């Protein structure tokens, strides 16, 4: 088994399964990575014909630990509800692959990686795109000896990768499942990302992006960025149901105002917890790199402004899923992709799942969503004669 040891953003060293490509990768920006490492995990068994492989593409703050205990946080895999024996992505049937994206900080080449000259990339890591991420994944799939993926699935930024896979490598993807995503990043989403980036820049420990030289991390700024983003992953209904306006005892150092009014709101405590735990596992420069990649994503613009052209003549089967309370990637954005696929003559299904859990619904226990995924994959497997 290939292994790589890389420093965790704020933890002891962590060992990651990986493959390194000594010939590197040419990036869309014109730069070239002289060497490229892709960290990954697999679940289930690849069949003799190598036709049952499913690539899972992760979202902004996800990684390759899809369905197992995370080595840094100790938490369950981020899609453990969907991937495993007897689950919609049944590892008794499918060979599931999760890869840390290019630009990430869990073993794949990114700002935290050491360059061939012995220096950490840091802020000198070149800008990357969703297409660059997909091209790195394609190298991994080839390394594993897989000519055609049975399916590519992912939500949010993972869904962007799915769309890029289907557009760039239609002959290598039998089924594509873009979930809670869009063909471009909206102005509102770019604005939220910029607020997060500015919070990181404003942290005194940012040190011009060279924080790693002193062993510091811009924890306060990165935590605020995570808090801001996390609000967009939820919905008003979910926040009200989980927290309402309930108060809890304030910490001793909270100040006179909180003491006067009886404590802090539960939702405040929740967001602070989200921020503090995030900084222990994620790198600030990776956060900047990956959010920019999302912002640059515009699949239609890459095809003369006609999204249908990206999929013209495709034989890939598509399932698009949105969630009724998702205001980060609202249903009309998925419908727009479905209409473009229809114009391209593609085999496409579209489902909006009723849920009050917001954008994060694709990560949670949503029975209708899980039944939809299981049913679609089962039908595809029958057509593919798996």
Protein backbone atom coordinates (compact mmCIF):
# COMPACT_ATOMS: atom_id res chain seq x y z
CA UNK A 1 0.00 0.00 0.00
CA UNK A 2 1.35 3.42 -0.96
CA UNK A 3 1.63 5.77 2.01
CA UNK A 4 2.54 9.38 2.59
CA UNK A 5 3.22 11.19 5.84
CA UNK A 6 2.06 14.79 5.85
CA UNK A 7 1.72 17.32 8.65
CA UNK A 8 -1.82 17.93 9.83
CA UNK A 9 -2.84 21.61 9.89
CA UNK A 10 -2.73 21.72 13.68
CA UNK A 11 -1.98 18.17 14.73
CA UNK A 12 0.67 15.51 14.83
CA UNK A 13 1.77 13.91 11.57
CA UNK A 14 -0.85 11.79 9.82
CA UNK A 15 -0.18 8.98 7.37
CA UNK A 16 -2.26 8.89 4.18
CA UNK A 17 -2.62 6.27 1.46
CA UNK A 18 -1.48 7.95 -1.74
CA UNK A 19 0.06 7.76 -5.19
CA UNK A 20 2.67 10.19 -6.50
CA UNK A 21 2.94 11.05 -10.19
CA UNK A 22 6.53 12.01 -10.90
CA UNK A 23 5.60 13.71 -14.18
CA UNK A 24 3.36 16.15 -12.31
CA UNK A 25 0.41 17.97 -13.84
CA UNK A 26 -0.01 20.96 -16.15
CA UNK A 27 -2.58 23.35 -14.65
CA UNK A 28 -5.15 25.51 -16.41
CA UNK A 29 -3.42 28.66 -15.13
CA UNK A 30 -0.33 27.76 -17.19
CA UNK A 31 1.82 26.62 -14.29
CA UNK A 32 2.99 23.04 -13.89
CA UNK A 33 3.32 20.94 -10.77
CA UNK A 34 6.58 19.06 -11.15
CA UNK A 35 5.32 16.22 -8.95
CA UNK A 36 1.75 15.54 -7.90
CA UNK A 37 0.45 13.40 -5.06
CA UNK A 38 -3.16 12.26 -4.74
CA UNK A 39 -4.25 10.88 -1.37
CA UNK A 40 -7.19 8.48 -1.45
CA UNK A 41 -9.15 5.75 0.29
CA UNK A 42 -11.17 2.85 -1.11
CA UNK A 43 -14.10 0.81 0.22
CA UNK A 44 -15.38 -2.52 -1.08
CA UNK A 45 -13.79 -4.69 -3.77
CA UNK A 46 -13.10 -3.98 -7.42
CA UNK A 47 -14.71 -6.72 -9.50
CA UNK A 48 -12.76 -8.83 -12.01
CA UNK A 49 -14.03 -6.77 -14.94
CA UNK A 50 -13.18 -3.48 -13.14
CA UNK A 51 -16.64 -2.12 -13.91
CA UNK A 52 -18.09 -1.44 -10.45
CA UNK A 53 -16.01 1.58 -9.38
CA UNK A 54 -17.76 4.66 -7.95
CA UNK A 55 -15.81 7.88 -7.40
CA UNK A 56 -17.07 10.04 -4.53
CA UNK A 57 -16.11 13.71 -4.89
CA UNK A 58 -16.00 15.69 -1.66
CA UNK A 59 -17.20 19.19 -0.87
CA UNK A 60 -15.14 22.21 0.19
CA UNK A 61 -14.07 21.01 3.63
CA UNK A 62 -14.36 17.26 3.05
CA UNK A 63 -11.61 14.79 2.25
CA UNK A 64 -10.96 11.17 1.29
CA UNK A 65 -12.21 9.69 4.57
CA UNK A 66 -15.70 9.06 3.25
CA UNK A 67 -16.85 6.09 5.33
CA UNK A 68 -14.41 5.41 8.15
CA UNK A 69 -13.06 6.96 11.33
CA UNK A 70 -11.21 10.19 10.50
CA UNK A 71 -7.54 9.98 11.55
CA UNK A 72 -7.39 13.60 12.75
CA UNK A 73 -10.82 14.28 14.25
CA UNK A 74 -11.74 10.75 15.33
CA UNK A 75 -15.26 11.30 13.90
CA UNK A 76 -17.18 8.99 11.57
CA UNK A 77 -16.68 9.42 7.82
CA UNK A 78 -18.50 12.41 6.39
CA UNK A 79 -20.75 10.23 4.20
CA UNK A 80 -20.98 7.23 6.47
CA UNK A 81 -24.79 7.42 6.25
CA UNK A 82 -24.65 6.75 2.49
CA UNK A 83 -21.58 4.54 1.96
CA UNK A 84 -21.17 1.05 3.38
CA UNK A 85 -22.54 -2.49 3.29
CA UNK A 86 -26.27 -2.46 2.55
CA UNK A 87 -26.37 1.35 2.23
CA UNK A 88 -27.31 3.26 -0.97
CA UNK A 89 -23.65 3.18 -2.06
CA UNK A 90 -23.39 -0.49 -1.17
CA UNK A 91 -19.77 -1.51 -0.68
CA UNK A 92 -20.82 -5.15 -0.99
CA UNK A 93 -21.62 -4.27 -4.61
CA UNK A 94 -19.52 -1.23 -5.51
CA UNK A 95 -15.85 -0.31 -5.22
CA UNK A 96 -16.01 3.19 -3.75
CA UNK A 97 -13.09 5.61 -4.14
CA UNK A 98 -12.62 8.84 -2.21
CA UNK A 99 -9.78 11.22 -3.12
CA UNK A 100 -8.56 14.38 -1.40
CA UNK A 101 -8.79 17.15 -4.00
CA UNK A 102 -5.78 18.82 -5.52
CA UNK A 103 -5.11 21.86 -3.31
CA UNK A 104 -6.33 20.02 -0.22
CA UNK A 105 -4.53 19.47 3.06
CA UNK A 106 -5.08 15.78 3.78
CA UNK A 107 -2.26 14.31 1.73
CA UNK A 108 -2.89 15.53 -1.83
CA UNK A 109 -0.58 18.15 -3.27
CA UNK A 110 -1.58 21.58 -2.02
CA UNK A 111 -0.29 24.69 -0.25
CA UNK A 112 0.76 22.62 2.76
CA UNK A 113 2.91 20.27 0.61
CA UNK A 114 6.68 20.41 0.35
CA UNK A 115 8.01 21.43 -3.07
CA UNK A 116 10.85 19.63 -4.85
CA UNK A 117 13.18 22.38 -3.57
CA UNK A 118 12.37 21.45 0.03
CA UNK A 119 10.21 24.51 0.75
CA UNK A 120 6.52 24.43 1.66
CA UNK A 121 4.35 25.80 -1.16
CA UNK A 122 2.32 28.15 1.05
CA UNK A 123 1.04 31.20 -0.80
CA UNK A 124 3.15 30.33 -3.84
CA UNK A 125 0.92 27.36 -4.64
CA UNK A 126 -0.57 28.13 -8.08
CA UNK A 127 -4.28 28.81 -8.53
CA UNK A 128 -6.25 25.72 -9.46
CA UNK A 129 -9.66 25.01 -10.96
CA UNK A 130 -12.32 22.34 -10.62
CA UNK A 131 -11.04 20.94 -13.92
CA UNK A 132 -7.54 20.62 -12.43
CA UNK A 133 -9.02 18.66 -9.51
CA UNK A 134 -10.81 16.33 -11.91
CA UNK A 135 -7.73 15.81 -14.05
CA UNK A 136 -5.81 14.79 -10.93
CA UNK A 137 -8.60 12.33 -10.06
CA UNK A 138 -8.46 10.95 -13.60
CA UNK A 139 -4.77 10.15 -13.10
CA UNK A 140 -5.67 8.27 -9.91
CA UNK A 141 -8.40 6.27 -11.65
CA UNK A 142 -5.98 5.29 -14.41
CA UNK A 143 -3.40 4.31 -11.78
CA UNK A 144 -5.99 1.98 -10.25
CA UNK A 145 -6.48 0.31 -13.64
CA UNK A 146 -10.05 1.52 -14.13
CA UNK A 147 -10.98 2.47 -17.69
CA UNK A 148 -14.57 3.51 -16.98
CA UNK A 149 -16.24 4.55 -13.76
CA UNK A 150 -19.65 3.08 -13.10
CA UNK A 151 -20.61 6.32 -11.36
CA UNK A 152 -19.29 9.65 -10.14
CA UNK A 153 -21.20 11.23 -7.26
CA UNK A 154 -20.76 14.29 -5.08
CA UNK A 155 -22.54 17.19 -3.42
CA UNK A 156 -21.84 20.92 -3.41
CA UNK A 157 -18.27 21.41 -4.71
CA UNK A 158 -18.28 17.63 -5.19
CA UNK A 159 -21.22 18.09 -7.56
CA UNK A 160 -19.20 20.61 -9.55
CA UNK A 161 -16.54 17.95 -9.98
CA UNK A 162 -19.18 15.46 -11.12
CA UNK A 163 -20.37 17.88 -13.81
CA UNK A 164 -16.78 18.50 -14.90
CA UNK A 165 -16.15 14.74 -15.11
CA UNK A 166 -19.25 14.25 -17.25
CA UNK A 167 -18.32 17.14 -19.55
CA UNK A 168 -14.63 16.27 -19.98
CA UNK A 169 -14.70 12.46 -19.86
CA UNK A 170 -18.16 11.28 -20.97
CA UNK A 171 -16.81 7.98 -22.28
CA UNK A 172 -15.32 7.24 -18.85
CA UNK A 173 -18.50 7.82 -16.80
CA UNK A 174 -21.55 5.55 -17.04
CA UNK A 175 -23.62 7.49 -14.47
CA UNK A 176 -23.26 10.95 -12.95
CA UNK A 177 -24.97 12.17 -9.76
CA UNK A 178 -24.45 15.92 -9.14
CA UNK A 179 -26.17 16.74 -5.84
CA UNK A 180 -27.04 20.14 -4.33
CA UNK A 181 -24.82 21.94 -6.81
CA UNK A 182 -24.77 24.22 -9.85
CA UNK A 183 -22.94 24.73 -13.13
CA UNK A 184 -21.39 27.96 -11.80
CA UNK A 185 -20.80 29.69 -8.49
CA UNK A 186 -23.30 32.48 -7.94
CA UNK A 187 -22.38 36.07 -7.04
CA UNK A 188 -23.91 35.51 -3.58
CA UNK A 189 -21.75 32.45 -2.96
CA UNK A 190 -18.62 34.26 -4.17
CA UNK A 191 -19.49 37.07 -1.74
CA UNK A 192 -19.74 34.67 1.20
CA UNK A 193 -16.41 33.10 0.26
CA UNK A 194 -14.77 36.52 0.10
CA UNK A 195 -15.99 37.38 3.61
CA UNK A 196 -14.32 34.19 4.83
CA UNK A 197 -11.08 34.97 3.02
CA UNK A 198 -10.97 38.50 4.40
CA UNK A 199 -11.45 37.12 7.92
CA UNK A 200 -8.34 34.97 7.40
CA UNK A 201 -6.33 37.91 6.02
CA UNK A 202 -7.33 40.05 9.03
CA UNK A 203 -5.98 37.56 11.56
CA UNK A 204 -2.63 38.78 13.01
CA UNK A 205 -1.36 35.20 12.79
CA UNK A 206 -1.91 35.19 9.03
CA UNK A 207 1.59 36.65 8.63
CA UNK A 208 1.15 37.24 4.92
CA UNK A 209 0.36 33.58 4.43
CA UNK A 210 3.70 32.46 5.89
CA UNK A 211 2.22 31.41 9.26
CA UNK A 212 3.59 27.89 8.94
CA UNK A 213 7.14 29.21 9.25
CA UNK A 214 6.54 30.06 12.92
CA UNK A 215 4.25 27.12 13.67
CA UNK A 216 1.26 29.44 14.06
CA UNK A 217 -2.12 29.22 12.35
CA UNK A 218 -4.61 32.05 11.74
CA UNK A 219 -7.09 30.21 13.94
CA UNK A 220 -9.42 33.10 14.71
CA UNK A 221 -9.76 34.14 11.06
CA UNK A 222 -10.12 30.58 9.78
CA UNK A 223 -12.67 29.88 12.52
CA UNK A 224 -14.75 32.91 11.51
CA UNK A 225 -14.56 31.81 7.87
CA UNK A 226 -15.91 28.41 8.87
CA UNK A 227 -18.67 29.96 10.99
CA UNK A 228 -19.78 32.20 8.14
CA UNK A 229 -19.80 29.32 5.66
CA UNK A 230 -21.58 27.00 8.06
CA UNK A 231 -24.53 29.38 8.35
CA UNK A 232 -25.04 29.01 4.58
CA UNK A 233 -25.11 25.21 4.92
CA UNK A 234 -28.16 25.33 7.20
CA UNK A 235 -31.63 26.83 6.87
CA UNK A 236 -33.69 29.15 9.04
CA UNK A 237 -35.99 26.23 9.85
CA UNK A 238 -33.08 24.03 10.89
CA UNK A 239 -31.51 26.73 13.06
CA UNK A 240 -34.84 27.47 14.73
CA UNK A 241 -35.59 23.79 15.33
CA UNK A 242 -32.12 23.06 16.75
CA UNK A 243 -31.51 26.25 18.75
CA UNK A 244 -34.33 28.79 18.61
CA UNK A 245 -33.52 31.65 20.97
CA UNK A 246 -32.44 29.40 23.82
CA UNK A 247 -29.70 30.63 26.14
CA UNK A 248 -27.02 28.66 27.90
CA UNK A 249 -24.57 29.59 30.61
CA UNK A 250 -21.84 31.85 29.29
CA UNK A 251 -18.16 30.99 29.88
CA UNK A 252 -16.46 32.88 32.70
CA UNK A 253 -14.54 35.13 30.32
CA UNK A 254 -17.59 36.01 28.20
CA UNK A 255 -17.91 39.53 29.51
CA UNK A 256 -20.43 41.70 31.35
CA UNK A 257 -23.10 41.82 28.64
CA UNK A 258 -23.60 38.05 28.51
CA UNK A 259 -23.51 37.84 32.29
CA UNK A 260 -26.13 40.58 32.50
CA UNK A 261 -28.55 38.89 30.11
CA UNK A 262 -28.11 35.38 31.50
CA UNK A 263 -25.70 33.75 29.08
CA UNK A 264 -25.00 33.20 25.40
CA UNK A 265 -27.36 31.90 22.75
CA UNK A 266 -27.02 28.20 21.96
CA UNK A 267 -26.57 29.01 18.28
CA UNK A 268 -23.56 31.19 19.15
CA UNK A 269 -21.97 28.34 21.07
CA UNK A 270 -22.66 25.93 18.19
CA UNK A 271 -21.00 28.17 15.62
CA UNK A 272 -17.99 28.80 17.85
CA UNK A 273 -17.60 25.04 18.28
CA UNK A 274 -17.75 24.57 14.50
CA UNK A 275 -15.02 27.16 14.04
CA UNK A 276 -12.71 25.87 16.76
CA UNK A 277 -12.86 22.23 15.64
CA UNK A 278 -12.36 23.16 11.99
CA UNK A 279 -9.03 24.92 12.54
CA UNK A 280 -7.57 21.71 14.01
CA UNK A 281 -7.94 19.82 10.75
CA UNK A 282 -7.78 22.36 7.91
CA UNK A 283 -5.11 24.60 6.44
CA UNK A 284 -5.89 28.27 5.81
CA UNK A 285 -3.99 28.46 2.50
CA UNK A 286 -5.88 25.37 1.31
CA UNK A 287 -9.13 27.07 2.26
CA UNK A 288 -8.20 30.08 0.15
CA UNK A 289 -7.11 27.93 -2.79
CA UNK A 290 -10.22 25.74 -2.84
CA UNK A 291 -12.75 28.55 -2.35
CA UNK A 292 -11.17 30.37 -5.29
CA UNK A 293 -11.49 27.21 -7.41
CA UNK A 294 -15.20 27.11 -6.62
CA UNK A 295 -15.60 30.79 -7.45
CA UNK A 296 -13.91 30.36 -10.84
CA UNK A 297 -16.17 27.45 -11.78
CA UNK A 298 -18.50 28.23 -14.70
CA UNK A 299 -19.03 25.22 -16.93
CA UNK A 300 -21.26 27.04 -19.42
CA UNK A 301 -18.73 29.84 -19.90
CA UNK A 302 -16.13 27.20 -20.78
CA UNK A 303 -18.39 26.17 -23.69
CA UNK A 304 -19.19 29.50 -25.29
CA UNK A 305 -21.93 30.33 -22.81
CA UNK A 306 -24.04 27.31 -23.83
CA UNK A 307 -24.17 24.76 -21.01
CA UNK A 308 -25.86 22.20 -23.25
CA UNK A 309 -22.76 22.16 -25.45
CA UNK A 310 -20.77 20.73 -22.55
CA UNK A 311 -22.86 17.54 -22.73
CA UNK A 312 -23.79 17.28 -26.41
CA UNK A 313 -23.93 13.65 -27.51
CA UNK A 314 -23.21 12.25 -24.04
CA UNK A 315 -24.34 8.72 -23.21
CA UNK A 316 -23.85 9.20 -19.47
CA UNK A 317 -26.97 8.75 -17.33
CA UNK A 318 -27.64 11.66 -14.96
CA UNK A 319 -29.48 12.08 -11.68
CA UNK A 320 -29.66 15.62 -10.31
CA UNK A 321 -30.86 16.13 -6.73
CA UNK A 322 -31.69 19.36 -4.93
CA UNK A 323 -33.22 20.12 -1.53
CA UNK A 324 -36.19 22.42 -0.98
CA UNK A 325 -34.59 24.48 1.82
CA UNK A 326 -31.12 24.80 0.26
CA UNK A 327 -30.48 28.50 -0.31
CA UNK A 328 -26.77 28.08 -1.04
CA UNK A 329 -27.43 25.99 -4.16
CA UNK A 330 -31.20 26.43 -4.63
CA UNK A 331 -33.35 24.14 -6.74
CA UNK A 332 -33.57 26.48 -9.78
CA UNK A 333 -29.82 26.04 -10.30
CA UNK A 334 -30.19 22.25 -10.52
CA UNK A 335 -33.20 22.67 -12.82
CA UNK A 336 -31.09 24.83 -15.13
CA UNK A 337 -28.55 22.00 -15.43
CA UNK A 338 -31.34 19.49 -16.05
CA UNK A 339 -32.77 21.67 -18.84
CA UNK A 340 -29.32 21.98 -20.45
CA UNK A 341 -28.93 18.20 -20.31
CA UNK A 342 -32.35 17.82 -21.92
CA UNK A 343 -31.31 20.18 -24.71
CA UNK A 344 -28.19 18.07 -25.18
CA UNK A 345 -30.33 14.94 -25.54
CA UNK A 346 -28.96 13.35 -22.37
CA UNK A 347 -30.65 10.70 -20.24
CA UNK A 348 -31.46 12.79 -17.17
CA UNK A 349 -33.61 12.53 -14.06
CA UNK A 350 -34.18 15.36 -11.61
CA UNK A 351 -35.57 15.18 -8.06
CA UNK A 352 -36.16 17.90 -5.46
CA UNK A 353 -36.18 16.40 -1.96
CA UNK A 354 -38.42 18.10 0.58
CA UNK A 355 -36.26 18.89 3.62
CA UNK A 356 -35.87 21.64 6.21
CA UNK A 357 -32.16 20.88 6.76
CA UNK A 358 -30.75 23.25 4.17
CA UNK A 359 -27.70 22.59 2.03
CA UNK A 360 -26.27 20.09 4.52
CA UNK A 361 -29.23 17.77 3.91
CA UNK A 362 -27.15 15.71 1.47
CA UNK A 363 -24.81 14.80 4.34
CA UNK A 364 -27.54 13.88 6.82
CA UNK A 365 -30.11 11.16 7.39
CA UNK A 366 -32.67 11.93 4.68
CA UNK A 367 -34.56 8.70 3.84
CA UNK A 368 -36.13 10.04 0.62
CA UNK A 369 -32.73 11.13 -0.63
CA UNK A 370 -31.18 7.78 0.22
CA UNK A 371 -33.99 5.87 -1.50
CA UNK A 372 -33.59 8.04 -4.58
CA UNK A 373 -29.85 7.38 -4.79
CA UNK A 374 -30.28 3.63 -4.17
CA UNK A 375 -33.03 3.33 -6.78
CA UNK A 376 -31.11 5.22 -9.45
CA UNK A 377 -27.91 3.25 -8.90
CA UNK A 378 -29.82 -0.03 -8.93
CA UNK A 379 -31.42 0.87 -12.27
CA UNK A 380 -28.07 1.92 -13.71
CA UNK A 381 -26.47 -1.30 -12.49
CA UNK A 382 -29.12 -3.31 -14.29
CA UNK A 383 -28.45 -1.41 -17.55
CA UNK A 384 -24.70 -1.82 -17.07
CA UNK A 385 -25.23 -5.53 -16.33
CA UNK A 386 -23.34 -5.34 -13.05
